[in-house]
Amino acid sequence: MHIVDLIIKKRDGNKLSKEEIYYLIDNYTNGNIKDYQMSALLMSLFYVGMTDEEATNLALAMRDSGDIFDLSSINGIKVDKHSTGGVGDTVTLILGPLLAACGAKVAKMSGRGLGHTGGTIDKLESIPGFRVEVPFTDFLKQVNEIGVSIIGQSGDVAPADKKLYALRDVTGTVDIIPLIASSIMSKKLASGSDAICLDVKVGSGAFMKTVEDATKLAKLMVSIGNLAGKKVTAILTSMEEPLGHYIGNGLEVYEAILALSGKGPKDVLEVTNVISSHLLVDAKLAKDIDEALEMLDEVIKNGKALEKLREMVIAQGGDVSYIDNPEKLFSHKTVLVKALKSGYVEKINASEIGVAASRLGAGREFKEDIIDLKVGLDLHVKIGDKVNKGDTIATLYVTEKGIEEATNLIINNIIIGDKHLTNKLILGIIK
C-alpha cells in the first residue's frame, strides 16, 4: 500500500478497506505518513465523506493505536456515559452514584474542562483530597466493591486520535461528522464498558448546533458502537440554555448533592434519569424504562444514592465533610446581577454564560491554566420565566477576578422580550 494511492482512491469517491484504514492510522501514528499527506486525505474526506463501515474501522484503528482497558474482572455489565460537552452539565456526578445505588457497575474515566465547558475531573477536585489519579487495580477493586469510581483518563488512550485531531484543528477539517464520531467512539471503545449512553448536546451552547447534524452524529456513533459489539444509546438533549442553575466546579458538585438528595433542578434530573434508565435496562437490572425510573426515584428517596456518593468520596481520599456540609464547596463573596427590563426570558446564550463563569476563574483557556474551584454563578432564570426590572437574574460567586466582564456577559446574553417561549429538553433517543 502507498499513501498517495489511498489519497487518490478516496479523492475519487471510493471506499477504503479495513486494512487500508489500519495502514493509514498505524503509519501516521508512527510518523511514516507526513502531516501534509494526511492533510490531503482529510480534505478528501471532508468533500467525499465516509461510509458507516469506514467510520467504524477508523474508530477501531484509533482505539487499537493505544491502551485498551480490560474491565473483565469487574462483576456484571459495566456501564458508561459520554457527553459531547455543555454548560452546567453535572450529569456524571449524579449518574455515577445513582446507578451504583441501583446495583450497576460504573467504571468512568473523565476529562478536564477547556474553554466554556466544564470537566468532571476538575469538579471532583473541588473536594479536598479527592484522588482522580488511581492505580488501575484499585480502580477495578473500587468498582467491584461499591459500584462506582470516577477517575481521570489514564494511560495512552487512542494516541492516533490525539495526533489526528491536532491536524484537523489546523487544516479546517474538524467539522466532519464521521471523524467526530470515530474520535469519540475510539476512546469510549478503549475504556472497556459493555453499555454506553451518549448525551449528544444540541444548541447554542453545544458543538452540534442543529438537531439534524446532532442526529447524524448520534446515529453514526450508535452504529459504530453496535458494530464493535457494544450496546449503545444516544440521547439528544437541548443546550439552548445551561443545564441546571449552577455553573462552576464546586458549585456543580453542590448541585449534584442537591440532586442526589431529591432537591435538584428538574432539568438536571430529567436528563440524568433518561440516561440512567436506558443504562439500567442495558445492564439487565430493569426490565423496561418504567421500572428503571422507579428504581432511580426510590434510591434518591431512601438516601442510598447520596450515601453512594459519600462512599466514592471516602474511597478516593476525599474530605467527606464537603458532602455533609456542601456550602464549603463555594465562595461566599457574592455579586448580584439584576434584570434591566421586565418581560419573559426569550433566549439564554449558553456558551457565553459559560464564558462568564470562566472569566471569574472557573474555566481555563489553555490546558495549563489553574482554575479557581470555588467561583462560578447561580443562574436564577430559565427560558420562559417572567422577570421584572430589578429582579436578580444571577448570583456571582467571586474572588476578585472578572466580575465586571462576567456581569456584562450575563446581561447581554440573557435576552428578555415579550414572547413566552419554552425549551424542550429531550430532543430524540436513538438506539
Protein backbone atom coordinates (compact mmCIF):
# COMPACT_ATOMS: atom_id res chain seq x y z
CA MET A 1 0.00 0.00 0.00
CA HIS A 2 1.08 3.58 -0.70
CA ILE A 3 -0.33 6.74 0.87
CA VAL A 4 -0.60 8.61 -2.46
CA ASP A 5 -2.67 5.78 -3.95
CA LEU A 6 -5.04 5.89 -0.97
CA ILE A 7 -5.40 9.68 -1.19
CA ILE A 8 -6.33 9.35 -4.87
CA LYS A 9 -8.69 6.43 -4.14
CA LYS A 10 -10.61 8.44 -1.57
CA ARG A 11 -10.49 11.64 -3.61
CA ASP A 12 -12.25 9.77 -6.42
CA GLY A 13 -15.06 8.67 -4.10
CA ASN A 14 -14.05 5.08 -3.45
CA LYS A 15 -14.35 3.16 -0.18
CA LEU A 16 -11.27 2.38 1.90
CA SER A 17 -10.95 -1.16 3.25
CA LYS A 18 -10.32 -2.04 6.90
CA GLU A 19 -6.73 -2.98 6.02
CA GLU A 20 -6.17 0.33 4.26
CA ILE A 21 -7.55 2.32 7.19
CA TYR A 22 -5.36 0.43 9.67
CA TYR A 23 -2.37 1.04 7.38
CA LEU A 24 -3.12 4.80 7.37
CA ILE A 25 -3.58 5.07 11.14
CA ASP A 26 -0.60 2.87 12.07
CA ASN A 27 1.78 4.68 9.74
CA TYR A 28 0.55 8.18 10.59
CA THR A 29 0.86 7.46 14.32
CA ASN A 30 4.41 6.14 13.80
CA GLY A 31 5.44 9.13 11.66
CA ASN A 32 5.78 7.22 8.39
CA ILE A 33 2.98 9.27 6.81
CA LYS A 34 3.62 13.03 6.80
CA ASP A 35 1.22 15.72 8.02
CA TYR A 36 0.87 17.19 4.52
CA GLN A 37 -0.14 13.78 3.14
CA MET A 38 -2.71 13.16 5.89
CA SER A 39 -4.00 16.72 5.36
CA ALA A 40 -4.72 15.87 1.73
CA LEU A 41 -6.60 12.75 2.81
CA LEU A 42 -8.59 14.72 5.41
CA MET A 43 -9.67 17.25 2.81
CA SER A 44 -10.77 14.39 0.56
CA LEU A 45 -12.84 13.02 3.45
CA PHE A 46 -14.33 16.48 4.02
CA TYR A 47 -15.73 16.56 0.49
CA VAL A 48 -16.36 12.85 -0.20
CA GLY A 49 -17.39 11.60 3.26
CA MET A 50 -17.12 8.10 4.72
CA THR A 51 -19.44 5.10 4.97
CA ASP A 52 -20.53 3.80 8.39
CA GLU A 53 -18.24 0.83 7.87
CA GLU A 54 -15.27 3.11 7.16
CA ALA A 55 -16.03 5.22 10.23
CA THR A 56 -16.27 2.07 12.37
CA ASN A 57 -12.94 0.79 11.08
CA LEU A 58 -11.38 4.19 11.72
CA ALA A 59 -12.66 4.16 15.31
CA LEU A 60 -11.31 0.65 15.83
CA ALA A 61 -7.93 1.53 14.30
CA MET A 62 -7.59 4.57 16.57
CA ARG A 63 -8.73 2.51 19.57
CA ASP A 64 -6.07 -0.08 18.78
CA SER A 65 -3.33 2.57 18.49
CA GLY A 66 -3.03 2.76 22.30
CA ASP A 67 -4.11 1.28 25.63
CA ILE A 68 -7.35 -0.69 25.85
CA PHE A 69 -8.70 -1.16 29.35
CA ASP A 70 -9.75 -4.64 30.45
CA LEU A 71 -12.69 -4.43 32.86
CA SER A 72 -13.45 -8.17 32.79
CA SER A 73 -12.53 -8.58 36.47
CA ILE A 74 -15.48 -6.33 37.41
CA ASN A 75 -18.57 -8.43 38.07
CA GLY A 76 -21.63 -7.74 35.94
CA ILE A 77 -22.32 -5.50 32.96
CA LYS A 78 -20.18 -2.37 33.02
CA VAL A 79 -21.88 0.92 32.05
CA ASP A 80 -20.54 4.28 30.91
CA LYS A 81 -21.83 7.57 29.54
CA HIS A 82 -20.32 10.34 27.48
CA SER A 83 -21.41 13.93 26.96
CA THR A 84 -20.40 15.88 23.88
CA GLY A 85 -19.96 18.91 26.15
CA GLY A 86 -22.19 21.59 27.59
CA VAL A 87 -22.58 24.27 30.26
CA GLY A 88 -23.64 23.36 33.79
CA ASP A 89 -23.55 19.66 32.90
CA THR A 90 -23.47 17.90 36.28
CA VAL A 91 -24.95 14.63 34.97
CA THR A 92 -21.90 12.40 35.51
CA LEU A 93 -21.58 13.50 39.14
CA ILE A 94 -25.19 12.45 39.77
CA LEU A 95 -25.44 9.47 37.44
CA GLY A 96 -22.45 7.53 38.82
CA PRO A 97 -23.66 7.24 42.44
CA LEU A 98 -27.30 6.95 41.32
CA LEU A 99 -26.64 3.94 39.09
CA ALA A 100 -24.34 2.33 41.64
CA ALA A 101 -27.10 2.61 44.25
CA CYS A 102 -29.30 0.63 41.82
CA GLY A 103 -26.68 -2.12 41.54
CA ALA A 104 -24.91 -1.05 38.34
CA LYS A 105 -21.13 -1.04 37.83
CA VAL A 106 -19.94 2.41 36.73
CA ALA A 107 -16.28 2.45 35.68
CA LYS A 108 -15.91 6.05 34.49
CA MET A 109 -12.87 7.80 33.06
CA SER A 110 -13.46 11.52 32.58
CA GLY A 111 -11.59 14.54 31.33
CA ARG A 112 -10.81 18.09 32.34
CA GLY A 113 -12.59 21.18 31.07
CA LEU A 114 -11.34 23.54 28.39
CA GLY A 115 -13.00 26.78 27.34
CA HIS A 116 -16.63 27.24 28.38
CA THR A 117 -17.34 23.53 29.02
CA GLY A 118 -16.54 22.13 32.45
CA GLY A 119 -14.67 18.91 33.17
CA THR A 120 -15.88 16.29 35.65
CA ILE A 121 -12.36 15.75 36.99
CA ASP A 122 -11.95 19.45 37.83
CA LYS A 123 -15.30 19.39 39.61
CA LEU A 124 -14.35 16.40 41.76
CA GLU A 125 -11.08 18.10 42.72
CA SER A 126 -13.10 20.81 44.46
CA ILE A 127 -13.46 18.18 47.22
CA PRO A 128 -10.12 18.43 49.08
CA GLY A 129 -8.09 15.23 48.95
CA PHE A 130 -10.17 13.57 46.23
CA ARG A 131 -7.81 11.45 44.12
CA VAL A 132 -8.53 11.45 40.40
CA GLU A 133 -5.35 9.50 39.64
CA VAL A 134 -5.83 5.98 40.95
CA PRO A 135 -3.86 2.79 40.16
CA PHE A 136 -5.89 0.74 37.70
CA THR A 137 -6.07 -2.27 40.03
CA ASP A 138 -7.51 -0.04 42.79
CA PHE A 139 -9.99 1.41 40.27
CA LEU A 140 -11.22 -2.08 39.39
CA LYS A 141 -11.42 -3.10 43.07
CA GLN A 142 -13.42 0.01 43.97
CA VAL A 143 -15.98 -0.53 41.19
CA ASN A 144 -16.38 -4.17 42.28
CA GLU A 145 -16.85 -3.20 45.93
CA ILE A 146 -19.00 -0.05 45.84
CA GLY A 147 -20.16 0.06 42.23
CA VAL A 148 -18.62 3.34 41.09
CA SER A 149 -15.32 5.09 40.53
CA ILE A 150 -14.66 8.24 38.51
CA ILE A 151 -11.04 8.87 37.62
CA GLY A 152 -9.00 10.92 35.16
CA GLN A 153 -8.17 9.49 31.76
CA SER A 154 -5.03 7.44 32.28
CA GLY A 155 -2.55 5.67 30.06
CA ASP A 156 -2.05 6.35 26.40
CA VAL A 157 -5.62 6.12 25.10
CA ALA A 158 -6.10 6.46 21.33
CA PRO A 159 -2.87 8.39 20.57
CA ALA A 160 -3.78 8.30 16.87
CA ASP A 161 -6.90 10.31 17.65
CA LYS A 162 -4.91 12.96 19.54
CA LYS A 163 -2.49 13.35 16.63
CA LEU A 164 -5.22 13.36 14.01
CA TYR A 165 -7.38 15.85 15.93
CA ALA A 166 -4.47 18.28 16.26
CA LEU A 167 -4.06 18.14 12.46
CA ARG A 168 -7.79 18.57 11.82
CA ASP A 169 -7.78 21.61 14.09
CA VAL A 170 -5.29 23.49 11.88
CA THR A 171 -6.50 22.29 8.46
CA GLY A 172 -10.18 23.26 8.62
CA THR A 173 -11.35 19.65 8.80
CA VAL A 174 -12.85 19.46 12.30
CA ASP A 175 -16.47 19.53 11.09
CA ILE A 176 -16.59 16.08 9.51
CA ILE A 177 -19.27 14.03 11.28
CA PRO A 178 -17.66 10.61 10.60
CA LEU A 179 -14.36 11.87 12.06
CA ILE A 180 -16.12 13.37 15.09
CA ALA A 181 -17.96 10.08 15.66
CA SER A 182 -14.80 7.99 15.22
CA SER A 183 -12.86 10.26 17.57
CA ILE A 184 -15.41 9.97 20.38
CA MET A 185 -16.04 6.26 19.92
CA SER A 186 -12.35 5.30 19.71
CA LYS A 187 -11.95 6.49 23.31
CA LYS A 188 -15.24 5.01 24.50
CA LEU A 189 -14.41 1.62 22.98
CA ALA A 190 -10.96 1.72 24.60
CA SER A 191 -12.50 2.37 28.04
CA GLY A 192 -13.88 -1.17 28.16
CA SER A 193 -17.52 -0.78 29.23
CA ASP A 194 -20.27 -3.02 27.84
CA ALA A 195 -23.11 -0.49 27.62
CA ILE A 196 -22.64 3.16 26.73
CA CYS A 197 -25.10 6.06 26.69
CA LEU A 198 -24.13 9.12 24.67
CA ASP A 199 -25.53 12.50 25.72
CA VAL A 200 -25.42 14.45 22.44
CA LYS A 201 -25.90 18.13 23.19
CA VAL A 202 -27.72 20.34 20.68
CA GLY A 203 -27.98 24.13 20.55
CA SER A 204 -26.19 27.42 21.15
CA GLY A 205 -24.00 26.01 23.94
CA ALA A 206 -23.09 22.80 22.09
CA PHE A 207 -20.74 21.72 19.31
CA MET A 208 -23.74 20.48 17.29
CA LYS A 209 -25.95 23.49 16.62
CA THR A 210 -28.87 21.75 14.86
CA VAL A 211 -30.97 18.67 15.58
CA GLU A 212 -30.29 17.45 12.03
CA ASP A 213 -26.49 17.41 12.49
CA ALA A 214 -26.76 16.01 16.03
CA THR A 215 -28.99 13.19 14.76
CA LYS A 216 -26.47 12.28 12.04
CA LEU A 217 -23.67 12.20 14.61
CA ALA A 218 -25.72 10.19 17.12
CA LYS A 219 -26.84 7.59 14.57
CA LEU A 220 -23.28 7.08 13.38
CA MET A 221 -21.86 6.73 16.92
CA VAL A 222 -24.57 4.19 17.79
CA SER A 223 -23.79 2.28 14.60
CA ILE A 224 -20.05 2.27 15.36
CA GLY A 225 -20.69 1.01 18.90
CA ASN A 226 -23.08 -1.70 17.77
CA LEU A 227 -20.75 -2.89 15.01
CA ALA A 228 -18.00 -3.07 17.65
CA GLY A 229 -20.18 -5.30 19.84
CA LYS A 230 -21.33 -2.71 22.40
CA LYS A 231 -24.82 -1.70 23.50
CA VAL A 232 -25.07 2.00 22.66
CA THR A 233 -27.86 4.52 23.10
CA ALA A 234 -27.74 8.20 22.16
CA ILE A 235 -29.93 10.82 23.82
CA LEU A 236 -30.24 14.22 22.09
CA THR A 237 -30.57 16.91 24.77
CA SER A 238 -31.00 20.65 24.43
CA MET A 239 -28.16 23.01 25.24
CA GLU A 240 -30.04 26.17 24.26
CA GLU A 241 -29.59 27.19 27.89
CA PRO A 242 -27.29 25.91 30.63
CA LEU A 243 -28.35 22.70 32.35
CA GLY A 244 -29.42 23.33 35.93
CA HIS A 245 -28.67 26.57 37.73
CA TYR A 246 -25.09 26.36 38.99
CA ILE A 247 -22.02 26.81 36.78
CA GLY A 248 -18.57 26.38 38.30
CA ASN A 249 -16.67 23.45 39.73
CA GLY A 250 -17.55 23.37 43.43
CA LEU A 251 -20.98 24.83 42.68
CA GLU A 252 -21.77 21.96 40.31
CA VAL A 253 -20.77 19.41 42.94
CA TYR A 254 -23.12 21.30 45.29
CA GLU A 255 -25.92 20.97 42.72
CA ALA A 256 -25.17 17.25 42.31
CA ILE A 257 -25.51 16.80 46.08
CA LEU A 258 -28.87 18.62 45.94
CA ALA A 259 -30.00 16.35 43.09
CA LEU A 260 -28.98 13.17 44.93
CA SER A 261 -30.92 14.48 47.92
CA GLY A 262 -34.05 14.94 45.80
CA LYS A 263 -33.76 18.73 45.72
CA GLY A 264 -32.07 19.24 42.36
CA PRO A 265 -33.34 21.24 39.37
CA LYS A 266 -35.98 19.47 37.27
CA ASP A 267 -34.00 19.71 34.02
CA VAL A 268 -30.88 18.12 35.54
CA LEU A 269 -32.91 15.27 37.00
CA GLU A 270 -34.80 14.75 33.73
CA VAL A 271 -31.62 14.35 31.65
CA THR A 272 -29.96 12.20 34.31
CA ASN A 273 -32.98 9.92 34.66
CA VAL A 274 -33.37 9.41 30.91
CA ILE A 275 -29.71 8.42 30.50
CA SER A 276 -29.65 6.33 33.68
CA SER A 277 -32.85 4.45 32.85
CA HIS A 278 -31.51 3.29 29.49
CA LEU A 279 -28.28 2.12 31.11
CA LEU A 280 -30.19 0.17 33.78
CA VAL A 281 -32.16 -1.62 31.07
CA ASP A 282 -28.99 -2.33 29.05
CA ALA A 283 -27.33 -3.65 32.22
CA LYS A 284 -30.31 -6.01 32.69
CA LEU A 285 -31.07 -4.50 36.08
CA ALA A 286 -34.51 -3.30 34.97
CA LYS A 287 -36.93 -4.97 32.54
CA ASP A 288 -38.04 -1.66 30.99
CA ILE A 289 -37.71 2.12 31.27
CA ASP A 290 -40.67 2.49 33.66
CA GLU A 291 -39.17 0.01 36.14
CA ALA A 292 -35.79 1.74 35.81
CA LEU A 293 -37.31 5.15 36.60
CA GLU A 294 -39.00 3.70 39.69
CA MET A 295 -35.65 2.29 40.87
CA LEU A 296 -33.93 5.65 40.37
CA ASP A 297 -36.64 7.50 42.26
CA GLU A 298 -36.51 5.01 45.14
CA VAL A 299 -32.72 5.25 45.74
CA ILE A 300 -32.96 9.05 45.90
CA LYS A 301 -35.90 8.92 48.32
CA ASN A 302 -34.27 6.36 50.64
CA GLY A 303 -30.91 8.15 50.70
CA LYS A 304 -28.90 5.34 49.08
CA ALA A 305 -27.84 7.49 46.10
CA LEU A 306 -26.35 10.23 48.27
CA GLU A 307 -24.70 7.62 50.50
CA LYS A 308 -23.10 6.07 47.41
CA LEU A 309 -21.51 9.46 46.61
CA ARG A 310 -20.13 9.57 50.17
CA GLU A 311 -18.70 6.07 49.73
CA MET A 312 -16.98 7.07 46.48
CA VAL A 313 -15.50 10.23 48.03
CA ILE A 314 -14.17 8.28 51.03
CA ALA A 315 -12.76 5.52 48.82
CA GLN A 316 -10.86 8.08 46.72
CA GLY A 317 -9.47 10.01 49.68
CA GLY A 318 -11.80 13.00 49.60
CA ASP A 319 -12.90 15.04 52.61
CA VAL A 320 -16.44 13.73 53.12
CA SER A 321 -17.32 16.75 55.28
CA TYR A 322 -17.72 18.63 51.99
CA ILE A 323 -20.57 16.26 51.09
CA ASP A 324 -22.18 16.61 54.52
CA ASN A 325 -21.64 20.40 54.56
CA PRO A 326 -21.69 21.31 50.85
CA GLU A 327 -21.69 25.07 51.45
CA LYS A 328 -17.92 24.64 51.94
CA LEU A 329 -17.61 23.99 48.20
CA PHE A 330 -18.02 27.57 47.02
CA SER A 331 -17.01 31.16 47.70
CA HIS A 332 -19.32 33.17 49.94
CA LYS A 333 -18.42 36.51 48.40
CA THR A 334 -21.28 37.25 46.00
CA VAL A 335 -22.35 39.85 43.45
CA LEU A 336 -25.96 40.09 42.24
CA VAL A 337 -26.83 40.68 38.59
CA LYS A 338 -30.16 42.43 38.05
CA ALA A 339 -32.56 42.49 35.10
CA LEU A 340 -32.53 45.79 33.22
CA LYS A 341 -36.10 45.40 31.92
CA SER A 342 -39.32 43.45 32.51
CA GLY A 343 -40.62 40.66 30.30
CA TYR A 344 -40.06 36.99 29.54
CA VAL A 345 -36.70 35.27 29.14
CA GLU A 346 -36.64 34.50 25.40
CA LYS A 347 -33.07 33.28 24.97
CA ILE A 348 -30.03 32.36 27.04
CA ASN A 349 -26.76 32.06 25.12
CA ALA A 350 -25.39 29.04 26.95
CA SER A 351 -21.82 29.23 25.67
CA GLU A 352 -21.46 32.89 26.67
CA ILE A 353 -22.85 32.18 30.15
CA GLY A 354 -20.15 29.51 30.38
CA VAL A 355 -17.59 32.10 29.32
CA ALA A 356 -18.86 34.39 32.10
CA ALA A 357 -18.09 31.70 34.68
CA SER A 358 -14.66 31.21 33.09
CA ARG A 359 -13.90 34.93 33.40
CA LEU A 360 -14.50 34.63 37.15
CA GLY A 361 -11.80 31.93 37.18
CA ALA A 362 -13.96 28.79 36.88
CA GLY A 363 -12.58 27.71 33.49
CA ARG A 364 -9.35 27.52 31.59
CA GLU A 365 -8.42 28.90 28.18
CA PHE A 366 -5.31 26.73 27.93
CA LYS A 367 -4.72 23.26 29.38
CA GLU A 368 -2.03 24.62 31.69
CA ASP A 369 -4.28 27.26 33.32
CA ILE A 370 -5.03 26.93 37.04
CA ILE A 371 -8.72 27.28 37.81
CA ASP A 372 -10.47 28.58 40.92
CA LEU A 373 -12.66 25.72 42.12
CA LYS A 374 -14.87 27.89 44.36
CA VAL A 375 -16.09 30.55 41.92
CA GLY A 376 -18.92 30.50 39.42
CA LEU A 377 -22.52 31.57 39.19
CA ASP A 378 -26.10 30.66 40.01
CA LEU A 379 -28.43 31.36 37.09
CA HIS A 380 -31.83 32.16 38.57
CA VAL A 381 -33.82 32.17 35.32
CA LYS A 382 -34.74 29.74 32.55
CA ILE A 383 -36.23 30.29 29.10
CA GLY A 384 -39.89 31.20 29.55
CA ASP A 385 -39.53 32.71 33.03
CA LYS A 386 -41.20 36.08 33.72
CA VAL A 387 -38.93 38.72 35.23
CA ASN A 388 -39.41 42.26 36.42
CA LYS A 389 -36.89 45.07 36.09
CA GLY A 390 -34.55 44.88 39.09
CA ASP A 391 -35.07 41.16 39.73
CA THR A 392 -31.90 39.14 40.40
CA ILE A 393 -31.22 37.02 37.33
CA ALA A 394 -27.87 35.64 38.52
CA THR A 395 -25.67 35.46 41.60
CA LEU A 396 -21.92 35.50 41.02
CA TYR A 397 -19.69 33.63 43.49
CA VAL A 398 -16.43 35.52 43.20
CA THR A 399 -12.97 36.35 44.48
CA GLU A 400 -11.65 39.47 42.74
CA LYS A 401 -11.35 38.33 39.13
CA GLY A 402 -13.54 39.17 36.12
CA ILE A 403 -16.60 40.49 37.96
CA GLU A 404 -17.42 43.35 35.59
CA GLU A 405 -16.84 41.27 32.46
CA ALA A 406 -18.93 38.37 33.78
CA THR A 407 -21.75 40.73 34.74
CA ASN A 408 -21.83 42.27 31.26
CA LEU A 409 -21.76 38.85 29.60
CA ILE A 410 -24.77 37.72 31.62
CA ILE A 411 -26.78 40.89 30.97
CA ASN A 412 -26.03 40.77 27.23
CA ASN A 413 -26.73 37.05 26.83
CA ILE A 414 -29.98 36.68 28.73
CA ILE A 415 -32.46 38.13 26.27
CA ILE A 416 -35.66 39.48 27.81
CA GLY A 417 -38.60 40.25 25.50
CA ASP A 418 -42.35 39.85 25.02
CA LYS A 419 -42.51 36.23 23.79
CA HIS A 420 -43.37 33.48 26.28
CA LEU A 421 -41.30 30.56 24.92
CA THR A 422 -40.47 27.10 26.25
CA ASN A 423 -37.38 24.93 25.85
CA LYS A 424 -37.89 21.24 25.09
CA LEU A 425 -35.15 19.24 26.81
CA ILE A 426 -35.15 15.73 25.29
CA LEU A 427 -34.97 16.02 21.51
CA GLY A 428 -34.57 12.40 20.48
CA ILE A 429 -33.48 8.89 21.50
CA ILE A 430 -31.50 6.69 19.13
CA LYS A 431 -30.66 3.05 19.71
